[in-house]
Amino acid sequence: MSDAKYSREAVAERGEAIYERDIRPHLESGSRGKYLVLDIETGEYEIDEDDLTATRRLMAKRPDAVIYGLRIGYPAAYRLGGFSKVEAND
């Protein structure tokens, strides 16, 4: 991965910043729990109940996209076990 344009940390940092600044303030309450994938270079994004569907739609529009993904209203997109504590203000 030495030829990657961005490190994992840079993708996450940039993606989170774009989400918080440009997308989150405009989301409808019905979006909670859906997956959002965005291109960190253009800010274009897709939202869907299924992360793979959202990713495919974004990649169809932007084949060279550098993608960051998250689950709206959750601290992580996926969990491996246990339970997830979600804050009421998300």
N, C-alpha and C. Protein backbone atom coordinates (compact mmCIF):
# COMPACT_ATOMS: atom_id res chain seq x y z
N MET A 1 0.81 -1.19 0.00
CA MET A 1 0.00 0.00 0.00
C MET A 1 0.86 1.26 0.00
N SER A 2 2.10 1.11 -0.32
CA SER A 2 3.01 2.25 -0.31
C SER A 2 2.72 3.24 -1.42
N ASP A 3 2.02 2.81 -2.49
CA ASP A 3 1.71 3.72 -3.57
C ASP A 3 0.33 4.35 -3.42
N ALA A 4 -0.34 4.12 -2.30
CA ALA A 4 -1.66 4.70 -2.05
C ALA A 4 -1.54 6.21 -1.95
N LYS A 5 -2.55 6.89 -2.47
CA LYS A 5 -2.57 8.35 -2.46
C LYS A 5 -2.79 8.90 -1.06
N TYR A 6 -3.57 8.17 -0.25
CA TYR A 6 -3.89 8.60 1.11
C TYR A 6 -3.68 7.43 2.06
N SER A 7 -3.25 7.73 3.26
CA SER A 7 -3.18 6.71 4.30
C SER A 7 -4.60 6.44 4.82
N ARG A 8 -4.78 5.33 5.50
CA ARG A 8 -6.09 5.04 6.09
C ARG A 8 -6.52 6.15 7.04
N GLU A 9 -5.57 6.64 7.79
CA GLU A 9 -5.86 7.70 8.74
C GLU A 9 -6.30 8.97 8.04
N ALA A 10 -5.64 9.30 6.93
CA ALA A 10 -5.99 10.50 6.17
C ALA A 10 -7.38 10.38 5.55
N VAL A 11 -7.71 9.20 5.04
CA VAL A 11 -9.04 8.97 4.47
C VAL A 11 -10.10 9.17 5.56
N ALA A 12 -9.88 8.55 6.71
CA ALA A 12 -10.84 8.65 7.81
C ALA A 12 -10.98 10.09 8.30
N GLU A 13 -9.87 10.77 8.45
CA GLU A 13 -9.90 12.15 8.94
C GLU A 13 -10.62 13.07 7.96
N ARG A 14 -10.29 12.94 6.71
CA ARG A 14 -10.92 13.78 5.69
C ARG A 14 -12.40 13.43 5.52
N GLY A 15 -12.71 12.15 5.50
CA GLY A 15 -14.09 11.72 5.37
C GLY A 15 -14.96 12.20 6.51
N GLU A 16 -14.46 12.06 7.73
CA GLU A 16 -15.21 12.49 8.90
C GLU A 16 -15.43 14.01 8.88
N ALA A 17 -14.41 14.75 8.46
CA ALA A 17 -14.53 16.21 8.40
C ALA A 17 -15.59 16.63 7.38
N ILE A 18 -15.59 16.00 6.21
CA ILE A 18 -16.59 16.32 5.18
C ILE A 18 -17.98 15.98 5.68
N TYR A 19 -18.12 14.81 6.30
CA TYR A 19 -19.41 14.39 6.82
C TYR A 19 -19.94 15.38 7.85
N GLU A 20 -19.13 15.72 8.83
CA GLU A 20 -19.57 16.62 9.90
C GLU A 20 -19.88 18.02 9.39
N ARG A 21 -19.08 18.51 8.47
CA ARG A 21 -19.23 19.88 7.98
C ARG A 21 -20.33 20.02 6.93
N ASP A 22 -20.36 19.11 5.96
CA ASP A 22 -21.20 19.31 4.78
C ASP A 22 -22.45 18.43 4.69
N ILE A 23 -22.44 17.28 5.36
CA ILE A 23 -23.53 16.33 5.15
C ILE A 23 -24.42 16.18 6.37
N ARG A 24 -23.84 15.93 7.51
CA ARG A 24 -24.62 15.66 8.73
C ARG A 24 -25.68 16.71 9.02
N PRO A 25 -25.39 18.01 8.89
CA PRO A 25 -26.41 19.02 9.21
C PRO A 25 -27.65 18.94 8.32
N HIS A 26 -27.56 18.28 7.19
CA HIS A 26 -28.67 18.24 6.23
C HIS A 26 -29.40 16.89 6.19
N LEU A 27 -28.96 15.94 6.99
CA LEU A 27 -29.59 14.62 6.97
C LEU A 27 -30.95 14.65 7.66
N GLU A 28 -31.87 13.87 7.12
CA GLU A 28 -33.17 13.73 7.73
C GLU A 28 -33.09 12.70 8.85
N SER A 29 -33.98 12.80 9.81
CA SER A 29 -33.95 11.88 10.94
C SER A 29 -34.15 10.43 10.50
N GLY A 30 -34.80 10.20 9.38
CA GLY A 30 -35.01 8.85 8.86
C GLY A 30 -33.77 8.19 8.30
N SER A 31 -32.66 8.91 8.28
CA SER A 31 -31.41 8.37 7.76
C SER A 31 -30.64 7.56 8.79
N ARG A 32 -31.02 7.68 10.05
CA ARG A 32 -30.28 7.00 11.11
C ARG A 32 -30.26 5.49 10.88
N GLY A 33 -29.08 4.91 10.95
CA GLY A 33 -28.91 3.47 10.76
C GLY A 33 -28.55 3.09 9.34
N LYS A 34 -28.71 4.02 8.40
CA LYS A 34 -28.34 3.74 7.02
C LYS A 34 -26.83 3.94 6.85
N TYR A 35 -26.31 3.41 5.76
CA TYR A 35 -24.89 3.55 5.46
C TYR A 35 -24.68 4.70 4.50
N LEU A 36 -23.63 5.46 4.75
CA LEU A 36 -23.24 6.56 3.88
C LEU A 36 -21.83 6.29 3.41
N VAL A 37 -21.62 6.39 2.11
CA VAL A 37 -20.26 6.30 1.55
C VAL A 37 -20.02 7.58 0.78
N LEU A 38 -18.82 8.13 0.94
CA LEU A 38 -18.52 9.38 0.25
C LEU A 38 -17.14 9.35 -0.35
N ASP A 39 -16.99 10.10 -1.41
CA ASP A 39 -15.71 10.28 -2.08
C ASP A 39 -15.03 11.46 -1.40
N ILE A 40 -13.90 11.22 -0.76
CA ILE A 40 -13.24 12.28 0.00
C ILE A 40 -12.62 13.35 -0.89
N GLU A 41 -12.52 13.09 -2.17
CA GLU A 41 -11.96 14.10 -3.07
C GLU A 41 -13.02 15.04 -3.63
N THR A 42 -14.23 14.55 -3.82
CA THR A 42 -15.28 15.38 -4.42
C THR A 42 -16.39 15.74 -3.45
N GLY A 43 -16.55 14.97 -2.40
CA GLY A 43 -17.65 15.18 -1.47
C GLY A 43 -18.95 14.52 -1.92
N GLU A 44 -18.95 13.89 -3.09
CA GLU A 44 -20.15 13.18 -3.55
C GLU A 44 -20.38 11.99 -2.63
N TYR A 45 -21.67 11.67 -2.40
CA TYR A 45 -21.97 10.56 -1.50
C TYR A 45 -23.25 9.86 -1.90
N GLU A 46 -23.42 8.67 -1.34
CA GLU A 46 -24.62 7.87 -1.52
C GLU A 46 -25.03 7.34 -0.16
N ILE A 47 -26.34 7.18 0.04
CA ILE A 47 -26.88 6.63 1.28
C ILE A 47 -27.81 5.49 0.91
N ASP A 48 -27.72 4.39 1.68
CA ASP A 48 -28.60 3.25 1.44
C ASP A 48 -28.67 2.39 2.70
N GLU A 49 -29.71 1.56 2.77
CA GLU A 49 -29.82 0.59 3.86
C GLU A 49 -28.68 -0.43 3.80
N ASP A 50 -28.15 -0.64 2.60
CA ASP A 50 -27.10 -1.63 2.36
C ASP A 50 -25.82 -0.91 1.94
N ASP A 51 -24.73 -1.16 2.64
CA ASP A 51 -23.48 -0.45 2.34
C ASP A 51 -22.93 -0.79 0.96
N LEU A 52 -23.08 -2.03 0.53
CA LEU A 52 -22.57 -2.42 -0.78
C LEU A 52 -23.34 -1.74 -1.91
N THR A 53 -24.64 -1.61 -1.75
CA THR A 53 -25.45 -0.91 -2.75
C THR A 53 -25.03 0.54 -2.87
N ALA A 54 -24.84 1.21 -1.74
CA ALA A 54 -24.40 2.60 -1.76
C ALA A 54 -23.02 2.73 -2.40
N THR A 55 -22.13 1.81 -2.08
CA THR A 55 -20.78 1.83 -2.64
C THR A 55 -20.82 1.63 -4.15
N ARG A 56 -21.61 0.70 -4.61
CA ARG A 56 -21.71 0.44 -6.06
C ARG A 56 -22.26 1.66 -6.81
N ARG A 57 -23.25 2.32 -6.22
CA ARG A 57 -23.81 3.52 -6.88
C ARG A 57 -22.76 4.62 -6.97
N LEU A 58 -22.01 4.81 -5.89
CA LEU A 58 -20.97 5.84 -5.92
C LEU A 58 -19.88 5.48 -6.92
N MET A 59 -19.46 4.22 -6.93
CA MET A 59 -18.40 3.80 -7.85
C MET A 59 -18.86 3.88 -9.31
N ALA A 60 -20.15 3.71 -9.57
CA ALA A 60 -20.67 3.84 -10.94
C ALA A 60 -20.51 5.28 -11.43
N LYS A 61 -20.67 6.23 -10.52
CA LYS A 61 -20.53 7.65 -10.87
C LYS A 61 -19.07 8.09 -10.86
N ARG A 62 -18.31 7.56 -9.90
CA ARG A 62 -16.92 7.99 -9.68
C ARG A 62 -16.03 6.76 -9.52
N PRO A 63 -15.63 6.12 -10.64
CA PRO A 63 -14.83 4.90 -10.57
C PRO A 63 -13.51 5.05 -9.81
N ASP A 64 -12.96 6.24 -9.78
CA ASP A 64 -11.69 6.48 -9.09
C ASP A 64 -11.87 7.06 -7.69
N ALA A 65 -13.08 6.95 -7.15
CA ALA A 65 -13.38 7.54 -5.85
C ALA A 65 -12.49 6.97 -4.75
N VAL A 66 -12.13 7.84 -3.83
CA VAL A 66 -11.44 7.43 -2.60
C VAL A 66 -12.55 7.45 -1.55
N ILE A 67 -12.98 6.26 -1.14
CA ILE A 67 -14.21 6.11 -0.36
C ILE A 67 -13.97 6.03 1.14
N TYR A 68 -14.84 6.76 1.84
CA TYR A 68 -14.95 6.68 3.29
C TYR A 68 -16.40 6.31 3.58
N GLY A 69 -16.61 5.37 4.48
CA GLY A 69 -17.96 4.95 4.80
C GLY A 69 -18.25 5.00 6.28
N LEU A 70 -19.53 5.19 6.61
CA LEU A 70 -19.95 5.21 8.00
C LEU A 70 -21.41 4.81 8.08
N ARG A 71 -21.84 4.48 9.28
CA ARG A 71 -23.25 4.19 9.54
C ARG A 71 -23.80 5.38 10.30
N ILE A 72 -24.80 6.01 9.74
CA ILE A 72 -25.34 7.26 10.28
C ILE A 72 -25.92 7.04 11.68
N GLY A 73 -25.42 7.85 12.62
CA GLY A 73 -25.91 7.81 13.99
C GLY A 73 -25.25 6.78 14.87
N TYR A 74 -24.23 6.09 14.37
CA TYR A 74 -23.54 5.06 15.14
C TYR A 74 -22.05 5.39 15.22
N PRO A 75 -21.39 4.99 16.32
CA PRO A 75 -19.97 5.28 16.45
C PRO A 75 -19.09 4.46 15.51
N ALA A 76 -19.62 3.33 15.00
CA ALA A 76 -18.87 2.50 14.06
C ALA A 76 -19.87 1.92 13.05
N ALA A 77 -19.38 1.65 11.85
CA ALA A 77 -20.26 1.10 10.82
C ALA A 77 -20.66 -0.33 11.12
N TYR A 78 -19.76 -1.08 11.76
CA TYR A 78 -20.01 -2.49 12.04
C TYR A 78 -19.60 -2.79 13.47
N ARG A 79 -20.13 -3.88 14.00
CA ARG A 79 -19.69 -4.35 15.32
C ARG A 79 -19.44 -5.84 15.23
N LEU A 80 -18.52 -6.31 16.01
CA LEU A 80 -18.13 -7.71 15.97
C LEU A 80 -18.83 -8.55 17.02
N GLY A 81 -19.36 -7.93 18.03
CA GLY A 81 -20.06 -8.67 19.08
C GLY A 81 -20.50 -7.72 20.16
N GLY A 82 -21.19 -8.26 21.14
CA GLY A 82 -21.66 -7.40 22.23
C GLY A 82 -22.81 -6.54 21.78
N PHE A 83 -22.84 -5.31 22.29
CA PHE A 83 -23.93 -4.40 21.95
C PHE A 83 -23.35 -3.04 21.63
N SER A 84 -24.16 -2.20 21.03
CA SER A 84 -23.75 -0.86 20.66
C SER A 84 -24.53 0.15 21.47
N LYS A 85 -23.83 1.07 22.10
CA LYS A 85 -24.48 2.14 22.83
C LYS A 85 -24.51 3.35 21.92
N VAL A 86 -25.70 3.82 21.59
CA VAL A 86 -25.85 4.96 20.70
C VAL A 86 -26.39 6.13 21.50
N GLU A 87 -25.79 7.29 21.30
CA GLU A 87 -26.24 8.47 22.00
C GLU A 87 -27.57 8.97 21.41
N ALA A 88 -28.43 9.47 22.24
CA ALA A 88 -29.78 9.89 21.83
C ALA A 88 -29.75 11.12 20.92
N ASN A 89 -28.69 11.91 20.94
CA ASN A 89 -28.67 13.15 20.14
C ASN A 89 -28.18 12.95 18.73
N ASP A 90 -27.88 11.73 18.30
CA ASP A 90 -27.44 11.49 16.92
C ASP A 90 -28.61 11.32 16.00
